[in-house]
Structure formats: C-alpha cells, structure tokens
C-alpha cells in the first residue's frame, strides 16, 4: 500500500503576534512547528504502515527551504520519503493555488492508495486545501475523520465527526482523508530515529519539476488574498449574579432590558 501525507510547517500560534500598524503577522523570531492536525494525519498513516507490511509513507509539503526541518521530523517519526515543493513561484499562494501545486507534486510521485491531510492549518483555519486537492485529483474525500475502522482491499471504512455524533462512511480507494486530533496521539521520535532522518534525502522540486504553469500557482494563481489580519478586541469581563433564583432571574431581566436585548 502507498500512502501520501500532506504536511505544512506553520508558526507556533502561542508565539504569534500581529503588527498593529501593518495588520500582518510578525513571523520574525517565531518558532515553526509541524501543523498539529497534520501530525495526526501522519500518525494515522504510520499506524496503517505498522499493521500492513510493505506499506510506504511519503510526506509532501510546499514551503520555503527551512520547511525541510519539519520534513526531517516527519521522517524521524517513521515516514519513508519526503518531498518539498519549494520555489519563489509558489510564494503567496492561497488555498486554490496551494492545492494546485500539491496535486502536481502528487501526480509526479505517482500511484497511491490513500492521501492523508490535516483538517486545517492553524495559521489559516480554512480547512479547504484537503477537499480542493481531492477535487483536483478526481478522487473521493472524507473530512473530519475521527477513527479508521477498517482497511479493506479496495476501500476504507471511517468515522466522520459531526457536531452531535458521527457517521460511518465507506469510501473507495484511492481517496483522501482529513484528520482531526481525536483520531490519535502522534508518536514521539527517538534519538536514533532523528539521526537516521538526517541521513535520508529530501527531494526538492520546483514548478518545472512538477510541470505546472507559474500562472496557476503562487500569487498569480491565487484568486483570494488576505487584506488584513488583526487581533479581536478582548471581551468584557463576565459578571456573576448571586442571590436566590428569583433574585438572579429578576437581575438578569433588568440587565438585558437595560441593554435593549429584551
């Protein structure tokens, strides 16, 4: 079985700040990490590999050269190969252009049975790239996968999380599945695995390697652009009501009436 995992290097959101004047993210000095949902996607692929001898896991990412450090982490966790799409032509891509580039990269990798991706990236929170990628490759997709029930000869049975429960879906292979954190707990790397990861080659491809036009990737191929980023104003301090039930109800009604809610 051949599995491909889409991964992204993202800024640690616990450290991200926004320039109050420019309205853009301040990335200088902010550590980069493997996107959390993508770590769950990789773990799902590695668990299938553990239970199915002969399975290979290839991780693909699009980003600047320093994203190779994140791919080393994926190799240390147990991935067999890593591919980085890196070129100035890929810069400034929205989800549309990103999925176009990744689809081109996956076509170059070749045949696959399952593509795993994280539900969404913490620096964008769009949850669009996975479904867009499946559409471009012409394969079915299931989002918000919280459990993989069974791997059959030509299909996969999964649980898809809903707000009030879940649904069981059997999807034909090849397919794309997006993972959520409830799916698993990503494994830790050992010192030996880290050492071995740095002995492996990371393939670095540009737009010419994946045979894609610069007009459909990067900023040129992005129909949407971020106008401004900002930090929402802090919410007002909550107020606790005390007294008997009737007293609290009356006080609540009075406050809602004062704010013209009632």
C-alpha atoms as a PDB file:
ATOM      1  CA  UNK A   1       0.000   0.000   0.000  1.00  0.00           C
ATOM      2  CA  UNK A   2       1.234   3.500  -0.855  1.00  0.00           C
ATOM      3  CA  UNK A   3       0.224   6.402   1.377  1.00  0.00           C
ATOM      4  CA  UNK A   4       0.925  10.106   0.877  1.00  0.00           C
ATOM      5  CA  UNK A   5       0.679  12.599   3.726  1.00  0.00           C
ATOM      6  CA  UNK A   6       0.328  16.344   3.160  1.00  0.00           C
ATOM      7  CA  UNK A   7       2.093  18.358   5.844  1.00  0.00           C
ATOM      8  CA  UNK A   8       2.708  22.040   6.467  1.00  0.00           C
ATOM      9  CA  UNK A   9       5.198  23.981   8.544  1.00  0.00           C
ATOM     10  CA  UNK A  10       3.338  26.664  10.493  1.00  0.00           C
ATOM     11  CA  UNK A  11       4.267  29.325  13.059  1.00  0.00           C
ATOM     12  CA  UNK A  12       3.609  28.343  16.653  1.00  0.00           C
ATOM     13  CA  UNK A  13       0.382  30.224  17.319  1.00  0.00           C
ATOM     14  CA  UNK A  14       1.258  30.551  21.001  1.00  0.00           C
ATOM     15  CA  UNK A  15       4.051  32.905  19.931  1.00  0.00           C
ATOM     16  CA  UNK A  16       2.413  34.747  17.025  1.00  0.00           C
ATOM     17  CA  UNK A  17       1.830  38.494  17.284  1.00  0.00           C
ATOM     18  CA  UNK A  18       0.273  40.949  14.846  1.00  0.00           C
ATOM     19  CA  UNK A  19       1.801  44.233  13.739  1.00  0.00           C
ATOM     20  CA  UNK A  20      -0.779  46.826  14.884  1.00  0.00           C
ATOM     21  CA  UNK A  21       0.166  49.212  12.066  1.00  0.00           C
ATOM     22  CA  UNK A  22       0.582  46.898   9.074  1.00  0.00           C
ATOM     23  CA  UNK A  23      -2.016  44.376  10.208  1.00  0.00           C
ATOM     24  CA  UNK A  24       0.261  41.454   9.272  1.00  0.00           C
ATOM     25  CA  UNK A  25       1.687  38.529  11.225  1.00  0.00           C
ATOM     26  CA  UNK A  26       5.058  39.094  12.855  1.00  0.00           C
ATOM     27  CA  UNK A  27       6.961  35.930  11.909  1.00  0.00           C
ATOM     28  CA  UNK A  28      10.462  37.029  12.870  1.00  0.00           C
ATOM     29  CA  UNK A  29      11.707  35.088  15.850  1.00  0.00           C
ATOM     30  CA  UNK A  30       8.580  32.912  15.927  1.00  0.00           C
ATOM     31  CA  UNK A  31       9.365  29.167  16.071  1.00  0.00           C
ATOM     32  CA  UNK A  32       7.892  26.951  13.352  1.00  0.00           C
ATOM     33  CA  UNK A  33       6.260  23.591  14.026  1.00  0.00           C
ATOM     34  CA  UNK A  34       4.569  20.727  12.214  1.00  0.00           C
ATOM     35  CA  UNK A  35       0.898  21.650  11.881  1.00  0.00           C
ATOM     36  CA  UNK A  36      -0.886  19.717  14.692  1.00  0.00           C
ATOM     37  CA  UNK A  37      -3.650  18.187  12.535  1.00  0.00           C
ATOM     38  CA  UNK A  38      -1.004  17.108  10.022  1.00  0.00           C
ATOM     39  CA  UNK A  39       0.802  15.285  12.826  1.00  0.00           C
ATOM     40  CA  UNK A  40      -2.410  13.311  13.417  1.00  0.00           C
ATOM     41  CA  UNK A  41      -2.618  12.617   9.678  1.00  0.00           C
ATOM     42  CA  UNK A  42       0.950  11.297   9.668  1.00  0.00           C
ATOM     43  CA  UNK A  43       0.317   9.150  12.731  1.00  0.00           C
ATOM     44  CA  UNK A  44      -2.716   7.589  11.012  1.00  0.00           C
ATOM     45  CA  UNK A  45      -0.556   6.712   8.007  1.00  0.00           C
ATOM     46  CA  UNK A  46       2.183   5.278  10.223  1.00  0.00           C
ATOM     47  CA  UNK A  47      -0.297   3.113  12.135  1.00  0.00           C
ATOM     48  CA  UNK A  48      -1.508   1.630   8.852  1.00  0.00           C
ATOM     49  CA  UNK A  49       2.127   1.030   7.891  1.00  0.00           C
ATOM     50  CA  UNK A  50       2.763  -0.719  11.221  1.00  0.00           C
ATOM     51  CA  UNK A  51      -0.143  -3.103  10.606  1.00  0.00           C
ATOM     52  CA  UNK A  52       0.430  -3.674   6.887  1.00  0.00           C
ATOM     53  CA  UNK A  53       3.965  -4.792   5.968  1.00  0.00           C
ATOM     54  CA  UNK A  54       5.187  -3.368   2.680  1.00  0.00           C
ATOM     55  CA  UNK A  55       3.321  -0.087   3.115  1.00  0.00           C
ATOM     56  CA  UNK A  56       5.278   3.074   2.288  1.00  0.00           C
ATOM     57  CA  UNK A  57       4.582   6.584   3.565  1.00  0.00           C
ATOM     58  CA  UNK A  58       5.643   9.658   1.595  1.00  0.00           C
ATOM     59  CA  UNK A  59       5.244  13.147   3.065  1.00  0.00           C
ATOM     60  CA  UNK A  60       4.820  16.125   0.751  1.00  0.00           C
ATOM     61  CA  UNK A  61       4.879  19.797   1.686  1.00  0.00           C
ATOM     62  CA  UNK A  62       5.020  23.177  -0.010  1.00  0.00           C
ATOM     63  CA  UNK A  63       7.053  25.935   1.576  1.00  0.00           C
ATOM     64  CA  UNK A  64      10.407  27.714   1.896  1.00  0.00           C
ATOM     65  CA  UNK A  65      13.675  25.753   2.200  1.00  0.00           C
ATOM     66  CA  UNK A  66      13.511  25.799   6.011  1.00  0.00           C
ATOM     67  CA  UNK A  67      10.405  23.601   5.827  1.00  0.00           C
ATOM     68  CA  UNK A  68      12.877  20.753   5.306  1.00  0.00           C
ATOM     69  CA  UNK A  69      13.429  20.734   9.082  1.00  0.00           C
ATOM     70  CA  UNK A  70       9.760  19.895   9.564  1.00  0.00           C
ATOM     71  CA  UNK A  71      10.046  17.133   6.971  1.00  0.00           C
ATOM     72  CA  UNK A  72      13.031  15.729   8.884  1.00  0.00           C
ATOM     73  CA  UNK A  73      10.711  15.467  11.859  1.00  0.00           C
ATOM     74  CA  UNK A  74       8.222  13.517   9.737  1.00  0.00           C
ATOM     75  CA  UNK A  75      10.996  11.166   8.600  1.00  0.00           C
ATOM     76  CA  UNK A  76      12.082  10.698  12.201  1.00  0.00           C
ATOM     77  CA  UNK A  77       8.547   9.753  13.150  1.00  0.00           C
ATOM     78  CA  UNK A  78       8.627   6.959  10.576  1.00  0.00           C
ATOM     79  CA  UNK A  79       7.895   8.297   7.085  1.00  0.00           C
ATOM     80  CA  UNK A  80       9.889   6.662   4.288  1.00  0.00           C
ATOM     81  CA  UNK A  81      10.287   9.592   1.910  1.00  0.00           C
ATOM     82  CA  UNK A  82       9.818  13.361   1.916  1.00  0.00           C
ATOM     83  CA  UNK A  83       9.189  15.829  -0.903  1.00  0.00           C
ATOM     84  CA  UNK A  84       9.341  19.617  -0.631  1.00  0.00           C
ATOM     85  CA  UNK A  85       7.819  21.883  -3.259  1.00  0.00           C
ATOM     86  CA  UNK A  86       9.931  24.991  -2.918  1.00  0.00           C
ATOM     87  CA  UNK A  87      10.307  27.914  -5.309  1.00  0.00           C
ATOM     88  CA  UNK A  88       9.589  31.627  -5.363  1.00  0.00           C
ATOM     89  CA  UNK A  89       6.863  30.795  -7.872  1.00  0.00           C
ATOM     90  CA  UNK A  90       4.933  29.008  -5.102  1.00  0.00           C
ATOM     91  CA  UNK A  91       5.075  32.042  -2.766  1.00  0.00           C
ATOM     92  CA  UNK A  92       1.935  33.930  -1.770  1.00  0.00           C
ATOM     93  CA  UNK A  93      -0.375  31.039  -2.617  1.00  0.00           C
ATOM     94  CA  UNK A  94      -3.931  30.865  -1.318  1.00  0.00           C
ATOM     95  CA  UNK A  95      -5.699  27.524  -0.823  1.00  0.00           C
ATOM     96  CA  UNK A  96      -6.596  27.308  -4.513  1.00  0.00           C
ATOM     97  CA  UNK A  97      -3.015  27.725  -5.710  1.00  0.00           C
ATOM     98  CA  UNK A  98      -1.691  25.529  -2.889  1.00  0.00           C
ATOM     99  CA  UNK A  99      -3.930  22.612  -3.849  1.00  0.00           C
ATOM    100  CA  UNK A 100      -2.928  23.058  -7.497  1.00  0.00           C
ATOM    101  CA  UNK A 101       0.766  22.805  -6.621  1.00  0.00           C
ATOM    102  CA  UNK A 102       0.295  19.838  -4.275  1.00  0.00           C
ATOM    103  CA  UNK A 103      -1.785  18.000  -6.884  1.00  0.00           C
ATOM    104  CA  UNK A 104       1.018  18.467  -9.398  1.00  0.00           C
ATOM    105  CA  UNK A 105       3.539  17.158  -6.893  1.00  0.00           C
ATOM    106  CA  UNK A 106       1.432  14.114  -6.075  1.00  0.00           C
ATOM    107  CA  UNK A 107       0.994  13.295  -9.760  1.00  0.00           C
ATOM    108  CA  UNK A 108       4.783  13.272 -10.057  1.00  0.00           C
ATOM    109  CA  UNK A 109       5.112  10.982  -7.025  1.00  0.00           C
ATOM    110  CA  UNK A 110       2.848   8.507  -8.807  1.00  0.00           C
ATOM    111  CA  UNK A 111       0.287   5.916  -7.743  1.00  0.00           C
ATOM    112  CA  UNK A 112      -1.161   5.996  -4.247  1.00  0.00           C
ATOM    113  CA  UNK A 113      -3.905   4.320  -2.243  1.00  0.00           C
ATOM    114  CA  UNK A 114      -4.655   6.923   0.426  1.00  0.00           C
ATOM    115  CA  UNK A 115      -3.791  10.584   0.913  1.00  0.00           C
ATOM    116  CA  UNK A 116      -3.914  11.868   4.470  1.00  0.00           C
ATOM    117  CA  UNK A 117      -4.060  15.556   5.351  1.00  0.00           C
ATOM    118  CA  UNK A 118      -4.812  17.516   8.478  1.00  0.00           C
ATOM    119  CA  UNK A 119      -8.265  19.020   8.828  1.00  0.00           C
ATOM    120  CA  UNK A 120      -6.819  22.531   8.638  1.00  0.00           C
ATOM    121  CA  UNK A 121      -3.673  24.542   9.290  1.00  0.00           C
ATOM    122  CA  UNK A 122      -3.539  26.654  12.445  1.00  0.00           C
ATOM    123  CA  UNK A 123      -2.190  29.671  10.550  1.00  0.00           C
ATOM    124  CA  UNK A 124      -5.165  29.799   8.185  1.00  0.00           C
ATOM    125  CA  UNK A 125      -8.007  27.684   9.633  1.00  0.00           C
ATOM    126  CA  UNK A 126      -9.712  27.375   6.229  1.00  0.00           C
ATOM    127  CA  UNK A 127      -9.962  23.552   6.005  1.00  0.00           C
ATOM    128  CA  UNK A 128     -10.071  23.998   2.215  1.00  0.00           C
ATOM    129  CA  UNK A 129      -6.830  22.517   0.880  1.00  0.00           C
ATOM    130  CA  UNK A 130      -7.721  18.856   1.554  1.00  0.00           C
ATOM    131  CA  UNK A 131     -11.079  18.854  -0.279  1.00  0.00           C
ATOM    132  CA  UNK A 132      -9.684  21.048  -3.068  1.00  0.00           C
ATOM    133  CA  UNK A 133      -6.783  18.649  -3.531  1.00  0.00           C
ATOM    134  CA  UNK A 134      -9.154  15.684  -3.806  1.00  0.00           C
ATOM    135  CA  UNK A 135     -11.212  17.543  -6.380  1.00  0.00           C
ATOM    136  CA  UNK A 136      -8.149  18.329  -8.480  1.00  0.00           C
ATOM    137  CA  UNK A 137      -7.028  14.696  -8.365  1.00  0.00           C
ATOM    138  CA  UNK A 138     -10.530  13.420  -9.127  1.00  0.00           C
ATOM    139  CA  UNK A 139     -10.778  11.205  -6.040  1.00  0.00           C
ATOM    140  CA  UNK A 140     -13.365  10.968  -3.225  1.00  0.00           C
ATOM    141  CA  UNK A 141     -12.646  12.562   0.137  1.00  0.00           C
ATOM    142  CA  UNK A 142     -13.886  12.313   3.710  1.00  0.00           C
ATOM    143  CA  UNK A 143     -13.227  15.177   6.115  1.00  0.00           C
ATOM    144  CA  UNK A 144     -13.094  15.278   9.923  1.00  0.00           C
ATOM    145  CA  UNK A 145     -12.046  11.640  10.282  1.00  0.00           C
ATOM    146  CA  UNK A 146     -12.012  10.657  13.958  1.00  0.00           C
ATOM    147  CA  UNK A 147     -11.468   6.917  13.576  1.00  0.00           C
ATOM    148  CA  UNK A 148     -10.353   4.441  10.933  1.00  0.00           C
ATOM    149  CA  UNK A 149     -12.473   1.348  11.402  1.00  0.00           C
ATOM    150  CA  UNK A 150     -11.213  -0.940   8.666  1.00  0.00           C
ATOM    151  CA  UNK A 151      -8.870  -1.030   5.695  1.00  0.00           C
ATOM    152  CA  UNK A 152     -10.418  -3.225   3.015  1.00  0.00           C
ATOM    153  CA  UNK A 153      -8.946  -4.392  -0.275  1.00  0.00           C
ATOM    154  CA  UNK A 154     -10.399  -1.532  -2.302  1.00  0.00           C
ATOM    155  CA  UNK A 155     -11.935   0.781   0.303  1.00  0.00           C
ATOM    156  CA  UNK A 156     -11.608   2.330   3.758  1.00  0.00           C
ATOM    157  CA  UNK A 157     -14.260   2.483   6.483  1.00  0.00           C
ATOM    158  CA  UNK A 158     -14.016   5.572   8.702  1.00  0.00           C
ATOM    159  CA  UNK A 159     -15.958   7.564  11.256  1.00  0.00           C
ATOM    160  CA  UNK A 160     -16.588  11.197  10.313  1.00  0.00           C
ATOM    161  CA  UNK A 161     -17.128  13.516  13.275  1.00  0.00           C
ATOM    162  CA  UNK A 162     -20.303  15.609  13.414  1.00  0.00           C
ATOM    163  CA  UNK A 163     -21.355  18.240  15.933  1.00  0.00           C
ATOM    164  CA  UNK A 164     -23.724  15.825  17.674  1.00  0.00           C
ATOM    165  CA  UNK A 165     -22.117  12.458  16.920  1.00  0.00           C
ATOM    166  CA  UNK A 166     -20.513  10.754  13.954  1.00  0.00           C
ATOM    167  CA  UNK A 167     -21.328   8.958  10.724  1.00  0.00           C
ATOM    168  CA  UNK A 168     -19.748   5.795   9.344  1.00  0.00           C
ATOM    169  CA  UNK A 169     -18.568   6.076   5.749  1.00  0.00           C
ATOM    170  CA  UNK A 170     -17.024   3.517   3.422  1.00  0.00           C
ATOM    171  CA  UNK A 171     -15.007   5.265   0.718  1.00  0.00           C
ATOM    172  CA  UNK A 172     -13.398   3.714  -2.334  1.00  0.00           C
ATOM    173  CA  UNK A 173      -9.622   3.888  -2.777  1.00  0.00           C
ATOM    174  CA  UNK A 174      -7.746   5.889  -3.880  1.00  0.00           C
ATOM    175  CA  UNK A 175      -9.167   8.539  -1.573  1.00  0.00           C
ATOM    176  CA  UNK A 176      -8.244  11.498   0.602  1.00  0.00           C
ATOM    177  CA  UNK A 177      -8.933  11.643   4.344  1.00  0.00           C
ATOM    178  CA  UNK A 178      -8.515  14.692   6.585  1.00  0.00           C
ATOM    179  CA  UNK A 179      -7.637  14.030  10.205  1.00  0.00           C
ATOM    180  CA  UNK A 180      -8.707  15.683  13.434  1.00  0.00           C
ATOM    181  CA  UNK A 181      -6.931  15.488  16.788  1.00  0.00           C
ATOM    182  CA  UNK A 182      -9.399  12.904  18.132  1.00  0.00           C
ATOM    183  CA  UNK A 183      -8.087  10.394  15.586  1.00  0.00           C
ATOM    184  CA  UNK A 184      -4.931   9.519  17.519  1.00  0.00           C
ATOM    185  CA  UNK A 185      -1.977  10.669  19.606  1.00  0.00           C
ATOM    186  CA  UNK A 186       1.116  11.349  17.451  1.00  0.00           C
ATOM    187  CA  UNK A 187       4.139   9.271  18.418  1.00  0.00           C
ATOM    188  CA  UNK A 188       7.404  10.610  19.769  1.00  0.00           C
ATOM    189  CA  UNK A 189      10.730  10.436  17.953  1.00  0.00           C
ATOM    190  CA  UNK A 190      13.745   8.622  19.349  1.00  0.00           C
ATOM    191  CA  UNK A 191      17.321   9.873  19.162  1.00  0.00           C
ATOM    192  CA  UNK A 192      18.153   7.015  16.797  1.00  0.00           C
ATOM    193  CA  UNK A 193      15.226   7.906  14.501  1.00  0.00           C
ATOM    194  CA  UNK A 194      16.331  11.561  14.424  1.00  0.00           C
ATOM    195  CA  UNK A 195      19.860  10.536  13.471  1.00  0.00           C
ATOM    196  CA  UNK A 196      18.554   8.267  10.713  1.00  0.00           C
ATOM    197  CA  UNK A 197      16.241  11.006   9.413  1.00  0.00           C
ATOM    198  CA  UNK A 198      19.212  13.272   8.711  1.00  0.00           C
ATOM    199  CA  UNK A 199      20.788  10.568   6.573  1.00  0.00           C
ATOM    200  CA  UNK A 200      17.801  10.486   4.214  1.00  0.00           C
ATOM    201  CA  UNK A 201      17.449  12.677   1.153  1.00  0.00           C
ATOM    202  CA  UNK A 202      14.615  15.165   0.882  1.00  0.00           C
ATOM    203  CA  UNK A 203      13.544  15.693  -2.700  1.00  0.00           C
ATOM    204  CA  UNK A 204      13.145  19.387  -3.524  1.00  0.00           C
ATOM    205  CA  UNK A 205      11.056  20.184  -6.584  1.00  0.00           C
ATOM    206  CA  UNK A 206      10.219  23.493  -8.229  1.00  0.00           C
ATOM    207  CA  UNK A 207       7.452  24.345 -10.697  1.00  0.00           C
ATOM    208  CA  UNK A 208       9.433  22.879 -13.596  1.00  0.00           C
ATOM    209  CA  UNK A 209       9.943  19.559 -11.830  1.00  0.00           C
ATOM    210  CA  UNK A 210       6.201  19.110 -11.317  1.00  0.00           C
ATOM    211  CA  UNK A 211       5.299  20.520 -14.753  1.00  0.00           C
ATOM    212  CA  UNK A 212       2.925  23.250 -13.583  1.00  0.00           C
ATOM    213  CA  UNK A 213       2.495  26.724 -15.059  1.00  0.00           C
ATOM    214  CA  UNK A 214       3.547  29.696 -12.873  1.00  0.00           C
ATOM    215  CA  UNK A 215       0.229  31.315 -13.830  1.00  0.00           C
ATOM    216  CA  UNK A 216      -1.809  28.842 -11.735  1.00  0.00           C
ATOM    217  CA  UNK A 217       0.358  28.727  -8.615  1.00  0.00           C
ATOM    218  CA  UNK A 218       1.666  31.204  -6.080  1.00  0.00           C
ATOM    219  CA  UNK A 219       0.351  34.745  -6.012  1.00  0.00           C
ATOM    220  CA  UNK A 220      -0.503  34.720  -9.724  1.00  0.00           C
ATOM    221  CA  UNK A 221      -2.754  31.714  -9.340  1.00  0.00           C
ATOM    222  CA  UNK A 222      -4.477  32.938  -6.164  1.00  0.00           C
ATOM    223  CA  UNK A 223      -7.962  34.385  -6.656  1.00  0.00           C
ATOM    224  CA  UNK A 224      -8.129  35.333  -2.971  1.00  0.00           C
ATOM    225  CA  UNK A 225      -5.739  37.451  -0.926  1.00  0.00           C
ATOM    226  CA  UNK A 226      -5.568  38.339   2.768  1.00  0.00           C
ATOM    227  CA  UNK A 227      -6.423  42.032   3.105  1.00  0.00           C
ATOM    228  CA  UNK A 228      -5.601  42.408   6.791  1.00  0.00           C
ATOM    229  CA  UNK A 229      -5.031  40.363   9.925  1.00  0.00           C
ATOM    230  CA  UNK A 230      -5.978  41.684  13.331  1.00  0.00           C
ATOM    231  CA  UNK A 231      -6.438  40.656  16.920  1.00  0.00           C
ATOM    232  CA  UNK A 232     -10.099  40.735  18.010  1.00  0.00           C
ATOM    233  CA  UNK A 233     -10.773  43.142  20.884  1.00  0.00           C
ATOM    234  CA  UNK A 234     -10.929  41.417  24.264  1.00  0.00           C
ATOM    235  CA  UNK A 235     -14.358  40.557  25.537  1.00  0.00           C
ATOM    236  CA  UNK A 236     -15.739  42.369  28.549  1.00  0.00           C
ATOM    237  CA  UNK A 237     -15.379  40.839  31.961  1.00  0.00           C
ATOM    238  CA  UNK A 238     -18.166  38.455  32.921  1.00  0.00           C
ATOM    239  CA  UNK A 239     -20.451  39.234  35.834  1.00  0.00           C
ATOM    240  CA  UNK A 240     -21.675  36.666  38.326  1.00  0.00           C
ATOM    241  CA  UNK A 241     -25.189  37.026  39.721  1.00  0.00           C
ATOM    242  CA  UNK A 242     -25.870  35.990  43.309  1.00  0.00           C
ATOM    243  CA  UNK A 243     -28.918  35.549  45.469  1.00  0.00           C
ATOM    244  CA  UNK A 244     -31.965  33.346  45.212  1.00  0.00           C
ATOM    245  CA  UNK A 245     -33.195  32.008  41.888  1.00  0.00           C
ATOM    246  CA  UNK A 246     -35.911  34.673  41.681  1.00  0.00           C
ATOM    247  CA  UNK A 247     -33.463  37.444  42.577  1.00  0.00           C
ATOM    248  CA  UNK A 248     -30.976  36.313  39.929  1.00  0.00           C
ATOM    249  CA  UNK A 249     -33.700  35.983  37.289  1.00  0.00           C
ATOM    250  CA  UNK A 250     -35.006  39.479  38.050  1.00  0.00           C
ATOM    251  CA  UNK A 251     -31.478  40.903  37.981  1.00  0.00           C
ATOM    252  CA  UNK A 252     -30.783  39.204  34.638  1.00  0.00           C
ATOM    253  CA  UNK A 253     -34.008  40.525  33.115  1.00  0.00           C
ATOM    254  CA  UNK A 254     -33.184  44.015  34.357  1.00  0.00           C
ATOM    255  CA  UNK A 255     -29.708  43.918  32.790  1.00  0.00           C
ATOM    256  CA  UNK A 256     -30.971  42.540  29.481  1.00  0.00           C
ATOM    257  CA  UNK A 257     -33.664  45.220  29.403  1.00  0.00           C
ATOM    258  CA  UNK A 258     -31.059  47.883  30.147  1.00  0.00           C
ATOM    259  CA  UNK A 259     -29.017  46.699  27.126  1.00  0.00           C
ATOM    260  CA  UNK A 260     -32.197  46.610  24.987  1.00  0.00           C
ATOM    261  CA  UNK A 261     -31.897  42.863  24.471  1.00  0.00           C
ATOM    262  CA  UNK A 262     -35.420  42.497  25.850  1.00  0.00           C
END
